[in-house]
Amino acid sequence: MTAAEKLEWKRRAHVAISAPIPAAIRNGGVVASAQYRDDAAICAAFARRGVQPERARVAILRLEGVQGRL
């Protein structure tokens, strides 16, 4: 992952964790909300420290999918 790609993924992570939680997750089951929370935590760690880029990339895509931004 190049520096430019990493910067773009950090930007996407910040946008994903800043977006409001979708109603489907808020009113949904425990498993969906736990997965959303875990993905948000992975994205936050990546946005702050740049750790686990591959895992964060998957989490970002999952959050964007749930939020309807894919």
PDB file of N, CA and C in Angstrom:
ATOM      1  N   MET A   1       0.855  -1.168   0.000  1.00  0.00           N
ATOM      2  CA  MET A   1       0.000   0.000   0.000  1.00  0.00           C
ATOM      3  C   MET A   1       0.903   1.234   0.000  1.00  0.00           C
ATOM      4  N   THR A   2       0.715   2.082  -0.983  1.00  0.00           N
ATOM      5  CA  THR A   2       1.516   3.305  -1.075  1.00  0.00           C
ATOM      6  C   THR A   2       1.025   4.327  -0.056  1.00  0.00           C
ATOM      7  N   ALA A   3       1.802   5.370   0.115  1.00  0.00           N
ATOM      8  CA  ALA A   3       1.433   6.414   1.071  1.00  0.00           C
ATOM      9  C   ALA A   3       0.139   7.117   0.649  1.00  0.00           C
ATOM     10  N   ALA A   4      -0.035   7.322  -0.657  1.00  0.00           N
ATOM     11  CA  ALA A   4      -1.256   7.976  -1.147  1.00  0.00           C
ATOM     12  C   ALA A   4      -2.479   7.089  -0.918  1.00  0.00           C
ATOM     13  N   GLU A   5      -2.328   5.791  -1.160  1.00  0.00           N
ATOM     14  CA  GLU A   5      -3.444   4.872  -0.916  1.00  0.00           C
ATOM     15  C   GLU A   5      -3.805   4.834   0.567  1.00  0.00           C
ATOM     16  N   LYS A   6      -2.780   4.803   1.414  1.00  0.00           N
ATOM     17  CA  LYS A   6      -3.016   4.769   2.855  1.00  0.00           C
ATOM     18  C   LYS A   6      -3.746   6.026   3.320  1.00  0.00           C
ATOM     19  N   LEU A   7      -3.362   7.166   2.776  1.00  0.00           N
ATOM     20  CA  LEU A   7      -4.021   8.420   3.124  1.00  0.00           C
ATOM     21  C   LEU A   7      -5.487   8.409   2.688  1.00  0.00           C
ATOM     22  N   GLU A   8      -5.758   7.874   1.499  1.00  0.00           N
ATOM     23  CA  GLU A   8      -7.135   7.783   1.007  1.00  0.00           C
ATOM     24  C   GLU A   8      -7.962   6.852   1.886  1.00  0.00           C
ATOM     25  N   TRP A   9      -7.401   5.707   2.278  1.00  0.00           N
ATOM     26  CA  TRP A   9      -8.136   4.780   3.147  1.00  0.00           C
ATOM     27  C   TRP A   9      -8.351   5.383   4.533  1.00  0.00           C
ATOM     28  N   LYS A  10      -7.385   6.164   5.026  1.00  0.00           N
ATOM     29  CA  LYS A  10      -7.584   6.851   6.313  1.00  0.00           C
ATOM     30  C   LYS A  10      -8.723   7.858   6.217  1.00  0.00           C
ATOM     31  N   ARG A  11      -8.804   8.571   5.091  1.00  0.00           N
ATOM     32  CA  ARG A  11      -9.892   9.524   4.891  1.00  0.00           C
ATOM     33  C   ARG A  11     -11.226   8.792   4.869  1.00  0.00           C
ATOM     34  N   ARG A  12     -11.287   7.670   4.146  1.00  0.00           N
ATOM     35  CA  ARG A  12     -12.524   6.893   4.074  1.00  0.00           C
ATOM     36  C   ARG A  12     -12.910   6.334   5.437  1.00  0.00           C
ATOM     37  N   ALA A  13     -11.907   5.930   6.229  1.00  0.00           N
ATOM     38  CA  ALA A  13     -12.180   5.425   7.581  1.00  0.00           C
ATOM     39  C   ALA A  13     -12.775   6.522   8.448  1.00  0.00           C
ATOM     40  N   HIS A  14     -12.217   7.719   8.352  1.00  0.00           N
ATOM     41  CA  HIS A  14     -12.732   8.830   9.148  1.00  0.00           C
ATOM     42  C   HIS A  14     -14.177   9.160   8.768  1.00  0.00           C
ATOM     43  N   VAL A  15     -14.461   9.164   7.483  1.00  0.00           N
ATOM     44  CA  VAL A  15     -15.825   9.438   7.014  1.00  0.00           C
ATOM     45  C   VAL A  15     -16.778   8.342   7.494  1.00  0.00           C
ATOM     46  N   ALA A  16     -16.338   7.089   7.434  1.00  0.00           N
ATOM     47  CA  ALA A  16     -17.195   5.967   7.827  1.00  0.00           C
ATOM     48  C   ALA A  16     -17.534   6.002   9.311  1.00  0.00           C
ATOM     49  N   ILE A  17     -16.568   6.347  10.154  1.00  0.00           N
ATOM     50  CA  ILE A  17     -16.856   6.354  11.590  1.00  0.00           C
ATOM     51  C   ILE A  17     -17.546   7.641  12.026  1.00  0.00           C
ATOM     52  N   SER A  18     -17.511   8.672  11.184  1.00  0.00           N
ATOM     53  CA  SER A  18     -18.194   9.925  11.512  1.00  0.00           C
ATOM     54  C   SER A  18     -19.660   9.927  11.097  1.00  0.00           C
ATOM     55  N   ALA A  19     -20.028   9.018  10.209  1.00  0.00           N
ATOM     56  CA  ALA A  19     -21.415   8.956   9.725  1.00  0.00           C
ATOM     57  C   ALA A  19     -22.342   8.462  10.824  1.00  0.00           C
ATOM     58  N   PRO A  20     -23.606   8.887  10.779  1.00  0.00           N
ATOM     59  CA  PRO A  20     -24.565   8.399  11.782  1.00  0.00           C
ATOM     60  C   PRO A  20     -24.798   6.896  11.649  1.00  0.00           C
ATOM     61  N   ILE A  21     -25.111   6.270  12.755  1.00  0.00           N
ATOM     62  CA  ILE A  21     -25.378   4.828  12.755  1.00  0.00           C
ATOM     63  C   ILE A  21     -26.709   4.583  12.058  1.00  0.00           C
ATOM     64  N   PRO A  22     -26.750   3.705  11.061  1.00  0.00           N
ATOM     65  CA  PRO A  22     -27.998   3.436  10.337  1.00  0.00           C
ATOM     66  C   PRO A  22     -29.077   2.847  11.260  1.00  0.00           C
ATOM     67  N   ALA A  23     -30.314   3.122  10.929  1.00  0.00           N
ATOM     68  CA  ALA A  23     -31.437   2.631  11.728  1.00  0.00           C
ATOM     69  C   ALA A  23     -31.482   1.105  11.753  1.00  0.00           C
ATOM     70  N   ALA A  24     -31.063   0.467  10.666  1.00  0.00           N
ATOM     71  CA  ALA A  24     -31.059  -0.993  10.624  1.00  0.00           C
ATOM     72  C   ALA A  24     -30.127  -1.569  11.689  1.00  0.00           C
ATOM     73  N   ILE A  25     -29.058  -0.886  11.987  1.00  0.00           N
ATOM     74  CA  ILE A  25     -28.122  -1.337  13.013  1.00  0.00           C
ATOM     75  C   ILE A  25     -28.640  -0.950  14.394  1.00  0.00           C
ATOM     76  N   ARG A  26     -29.121   0.281  14.520  1.00  0.00           N
ATOM     77  CA  ARG A  26     -29.637   0.759  15.808  1.00  0.00           C
ATOM     78  C   ARG A  26     -30.783  -0.098  16.308  1.00  0.00           C
ATOM     79  N   ASN A  27     -31.690  -0.455  15.415  1.00  0.00           N
ATOM     80  CA  ASN A  27     -32.881  -1.214  15.787  1.00  0.00           C
ATOM     81  C   ASN A  27     -32.741  -2.700  15.511  1.00  0.00           C
ATOM     82  N   GLY A  28     -31.591  -3.101  14.990  1.00  0.00           N
ATOM     83  CA  GLY A  28     -31.390  -4.491  14.600  1.00  0.00           C
ATOM     84  C   GLY A  28     -30.971  -5.370  15.756  1.00  0.00           C
ATOM     85  N   GLY A  29     -30.465  -6.526  15.398  1.00  0.00           N
ATOM     86  CA  GLY A  29     -30.084  -7.509  16.394  1.00  0.00           C
ATOM     87  C   GLY A  29     -28.729  -7.224  17.028  1.00  0.00           C
ATOM     88  N   VAL A  30     -28.422  -8.045  17.996  1.00  0.00           N
ATOM     89  CA  VAL A  30     -27.187  -7.902  18.758  1.00  0.00           C
ATOM     90  C   VAL A  30     -25.963  -8.198  17.889  1.00  0.00           C
ATOM     91  N   VAL A  31     -26.060  -9.184  17.040  1.00  0.00           N
ATOM     92  CA  VAL A  31     -24.920  -9.574  16.211  1.00  0.00           C
ATOM     93  C   VAL A  31     -24.547  -8.457  15.231  1.00  0.00           C
ATOM     94  N   ALA A  32     -25.543  -7.859  14.595  1.00  0.00           N
ATOM     95  CA  ALA A  32     -25.274  -6.787  13.636  1.00  0.00           C
ATOM     96  C   ALA A  32     -24.666  -5.569  14.328  1.00  0.00           C
ATOM     97  N   SER A  33     -25.177  -5.220  15.490  1.00  0.00           N
ATOM     98  CA  SER A  33     -24.634  -4.054  16.192  1.00  0.00           C
ATOM     99  C   SER A  33     -23.232  -4.333  16.724  1.00  0.00           C
ATOM    100  N   ALA A  34     -22.963  -5.556  17.148  1.00  0.00           N
ATOM    101  CA  ALA A  34     -21.616  -5.906  17.608  1.00  0.00           C
ATOM    102  C   ALA A  34     -20.620  -5.866  16.452  1.00  0.00           C
ATOM    103  N   GLN A  35     -21.035  -6.359  15.289  1.00  0.00           N
ATOM    104  CA  GLN A  35     -20.162  -6.318  14.114  1.00  0.00           C
ATOM    105  C   GLN A  35     -19.878  -4.877  13.710  1.00  0.00           C
ATOM    106  N   TYR A  36     -20.890  -4.031  13.736  1.00  0.00           N
ATOM    107  CA  TYR A  36     -20.728  -2.617  13.391  1.00  0.00           C
ATOM    108  C   TYR A  36     -19.765  -1.947  14.377  1.00  0.00           C
ATOM    109  N   ARG A  37     -19.942  -2.238  15.668  1.00  0.00           N
ATOM    110  CA  ARG A  37     -19.075  -1.658  16.695  1.00  0.00           C
ATOM    111  C   ARG A  37     -17.629  -2.099  16.500  1.00  0.00           C
ATOM    112  N   ASP A  38     -17.427  -3.384  16.220  1.00  0.00           N
ATOM    113  CA  ASP A  38     -16.077  -3.899  16.005  1.00  0.00           C
ATOM    114  C   ASP A  38     -15.435  -3.277  14.772  1.00  0.00           C
ATOM    115  N   ASP A  39     -16.193  -3.155  13.695  1.00  0.00           N
ATOM    116  CA  ASP A  39     -15.676  -2.528  12.475  1.00  0.00           C
ATOM    117  C   ASP A  39     -15.319  -1.065  12.724  1.00  0.00           C
ATOM    118  N   ALA A  40     -16.154  -0.364  13.476  1.00  0.00           N
ATOM    119  CA  ALA A  40     -15.872   1.037  13.787  1.00  0.00           C
ATOM    120  C   ALA A  40     -14.599   1.154  14.627  1.00  0.00           C
ATOM    121  N   ALA A  41     -14.385   0.231  15.546  1.00  0.00           N
ATOM    122  CA  ALA A  41     -13.172   0.257  16.373  1.00  0.00           C
ATOM    123  C   ALA A  41     -11.926   0.016  15.527  1.00  0.00           C
ATOM    124  N   ILE A  42     -12.009  -0.916  14.595  1.00  0.00           N
ATOM    125  CA  ILE A  42     -10.881  -1.193  13.694  1.00  0.00           C
ATOM    126  C   ILE A  42     -10.583   0.031  12.837  1.00  0.00           C
ATOM    127  N   CYS A  43     -11.633   0.664  12.322  1.00  0.00           N
ATOM    128  CA  CYS A  43     -11.460   1.869  11.489  1.00  0.00           C
ATOM    129  C   CYS A  43     -10.858   3.012  12.295  1.00  0.00           C
ATOM    130  N   ALA A  44     -11.304   3.165  13.536  1.00  0.00           N
ATOM    131  CA  ALA A  44     -10.777   4.238  14.376  1.00  0.00           C
ATOM    132  C   ALA A  44      -9.297   4.026  14.664  1.00  0.00           C
ATOM    133  N   ALA A  45      -8.906   2.790  14.946  1.00  0.00           N
ATOM    134  CA  ALA A  45      -7.491   2.501  15.195  1.00  0.00           C
ATOM    135  C   ALA A  45      -6.650   2.772  13.952  1.00  0.00           C
ATOM    136  N   PHE A  46      -7.180   2.419  12.795  1.00  0.00           N
ATOM    137  CA  PHE A  46      -6.459   2.676  11.553  1.00  0.00           C
ATOM    138  C   PHE A  46      -6.363   4.172  11.273  1.00  0.00           C
ATOM    139  N   ALA A  47      -7.444   4.904  11.498  1.00  0.00           N
ATOM    140  CA  ALA A  47      -7.437   6.348  11.237  1.00  0.00           C
ATOM    141  C   ALA A  47      -6.464   7.068  12.171  1.00  0.00           C
ATOM    142  N   ARG A  48      -6.364   6.604  13.413  1.00  0.00           N
ATOM    143  CA  ARG A  48      -5.468   7.255  14.380  1.00  0.00           C
ATOM    144  C   ARG A  48      -4.014   6.859  14.200  1.00  0.00           C
ATOM    145  N   ARG A  49      -3.765   5.535  14.145  1.00  0.00           N
ATOM    146  CA  ARG A  49      -2.389   5.046  14.196  1.00  0.00           C
ATOM    147  C   ARG A  49      -1.909   4.366  12.926  1.00  0.00           C
ATOM    148  N   GLY A  50      -2.814   4.066  12.004  1.00  0.00           N
ATOM    149  CA  GLY A  50      -2.415   3.406  10.767  1.00  0.00           C
ATOM    150  C   GLY A  50      -2.124   1.932  10.925  1.00  0.00           C
ATOM    151  N   VAL A  51      -2.680   1.306  11.965  1.00  0.00           N
ATOM    152  CA  VAL A  51      -2.412  -0.109  12.217  1.00  0.00           C
ATOM    153  C   VAL A  51      -3.400  -1.000  11.481  1.00  0.00           C
ATOM    154  N   GLN A  52      -2.964  -2.204  11.155  1.00  0.00           N
ATOM    155  CA  GLN A  52      -3.763  -3.237  10.503  1.00  0.00           C
ATOM    156  C   GLN A  52      -4.482  -2.730   9.244  1.00  0.00           C
ATOM    157  N   PRO A  53      -3.732  -2.301   8.246  1.00  0.00           N
ATOM    158  CA  PRO A  53      -4.374  -1.724   7.051  1.00  0.00           C
ATOM    159  C   PRO A  53      -5.275  -2.689   6.289  1.00  0.00           C
ATOM    160  N   GLU A  54      -4.886  -3.960   6.185  1.00  0.00           N
ATOM    161  CA  GLU A  54      -5.716  -4.909   5.428  1.00  0.00           C
ATOM    162  C   GLU A  54      -7.032  -5.183   6.150  1.00  0.00           C
ATOM    163  N   ARG A  55      -6.952  -5.369   7.441  1.00  0.00           N
ATOM    164  CA  ARG A  55      -8.168  -5.598   8.230  1.00  0.00           C
ATOM    165  C   ARG A  55      -9.062  -4.358   8.214  1.00  0.00           C
ATOM    166  N   ALA A  56      -8.433  -3.188   8.266  1.00  0.00           N
ATOM    167  CA  ALA A  56      -9.194  -1.937   8.244  1.00  0.00           C
ATOM    168  C   ALA A  56      -9.881  -1.733   6.904  1.00  0.00           C
ATOM    169  N   ARG A  57      -9.239  -2.139   5.837  1.00  0.00           N
ATOM    170  CA  ARG A  57      -9.830  -1.985   4.504  1.00  0.00           C
ATOM    171  C   ARG A  57     -11.143  -2.770   4.408  1.00  0.00           C
ATOM    172  N   VAL A  58     -11.146  -3.988   4.923  1.00  0.00           N
ATOM    173  CA  VAL A  58     -12.363  -4.806   4.924  1.00  0.00           C
ATOM    174  C   VAL A  58     -13.439  -4.173   5.814  1.00  0.00           C
ATOM    175  N   ALA A  59     -13.028  -3.681   6.982  1.00  0.00           N
ATOM    176  CA  ALA A  59     -13.984  -3.059   7.903  1.00  0.00           C
ATOM    177  C   ALA A  59     -14.586  -1.790   7.301  1.00  0.00           C
ATOM    178  N   ILE A  60     -13.770  -1.006   6.618  1.00  0.00           N
ATOM    179  CA  ILE A  60     -14.258   0.225   5.981  1.00  0.00           C
ATOM    180  C   ILE A  60     -15.294  -0.117   4.917  1.00  0.00           C
ATOM    181  N   LEU A  61     -14.992  -1.102   4.102  1.00  0.00           N
ATOM    182  CA  LEU A  61     -15.932  -1.494   3.049  1.00  0.00           C
ATOM    183  C   LEU A  61     -17.238  -2.015   3.658  1.00  0.00           C
ATOM    184  N   ARG A  62     -17.136  -2.760   4.764  1.00  0.00           N
ATOM    185  CA  ARG A  62     -18.341  -3.268   5.420  1.00  0.00           C
ATOM    186  C   ARG A  62     -19.184  -2.114   5.982  1.00  0.00           C
ATOM    187  N   LEU A  63     -18.524  -1.147   6.620  1.00  0.00           N
ATOM    188  CA  LEU A  63     -19.253   0.013   7.151  1.00  0.00           C
ATOM    189  C   LEU A  63     -19.901   0.816   6.035  1.00  0.00           C
ATOM    190  N   GLU A  64     -19.167   1.040   4.955  1.00  0.00           N
ATOM    191  CA  GLU A  64     -19.728   1.788   3.831  1.00  0.00           C
ATOM    192  C   GLU A  64     -20.917   1.050   3.226  1.00  0.00           C
ATOM    193  N   GLY A  65     -20.848  -0.260   3.167  1.00  0.00           N
ATOM    194  CA  GLY A  65     -21.964  -1.047   2.653  1.00  0.00           C
ATOM    195  C   GLY A  65     -23.206  -0.930   3.513  1.00  0.00           C
ATOM    196  N   VAL A  66     -23.031  -1.007   4.815  1.00  0.00           N
ATOM    197  CA  VAL A  66     -24.168  -0.885   5.733  1.00  0.00           C
ATOM    198  C   VAL A  66     -24.762   0.518   5.663  1.00  0.00           C
ATOM    199  N   GLN A  67     -23.901   1.513   5.482  1.00  0.00           N
ATOM    200  CA  GLN A  67     -24.353   2.892   5.419  1.00  0.00           C
ATOM    201  C   GLN A  67     -24.919   3.263   4.053  1.00  0.00           C
ATOM    202  N   GLY A  68     -24.814   2.365   3.082  1.00  0.00           N
ATOM    203  CA  GLY A  68     -25.361   2.612   1.746  1.00  0.00           C
ATOM    204  C   GLY A  68     -24.495   3.524   0.897  1.00  0.00           C
ATOM    205  N   ARG A  69     -23.198   3.540   1.135  1.00  0.00           N
ATOM    206  CA  ARG A  69     -22.321   4.426   0.372  1.00  0.00           C
ATOM    207  C   ARG A  69     -21.440   3.688  -0.616  1.00  0.00           C
ATOM    208  N   LEU A  70     -21.738   2.436  -0.931  1.00  0.00           N
ATOM    209  CA  LEU A  70     -20.918   1.702  -1.902  1.00  0.00           C
ATOM    210  C   LEU A  70     -21.538   1.754  -3.276  1.00  0.00           C
TER     211      LEU A  70
END
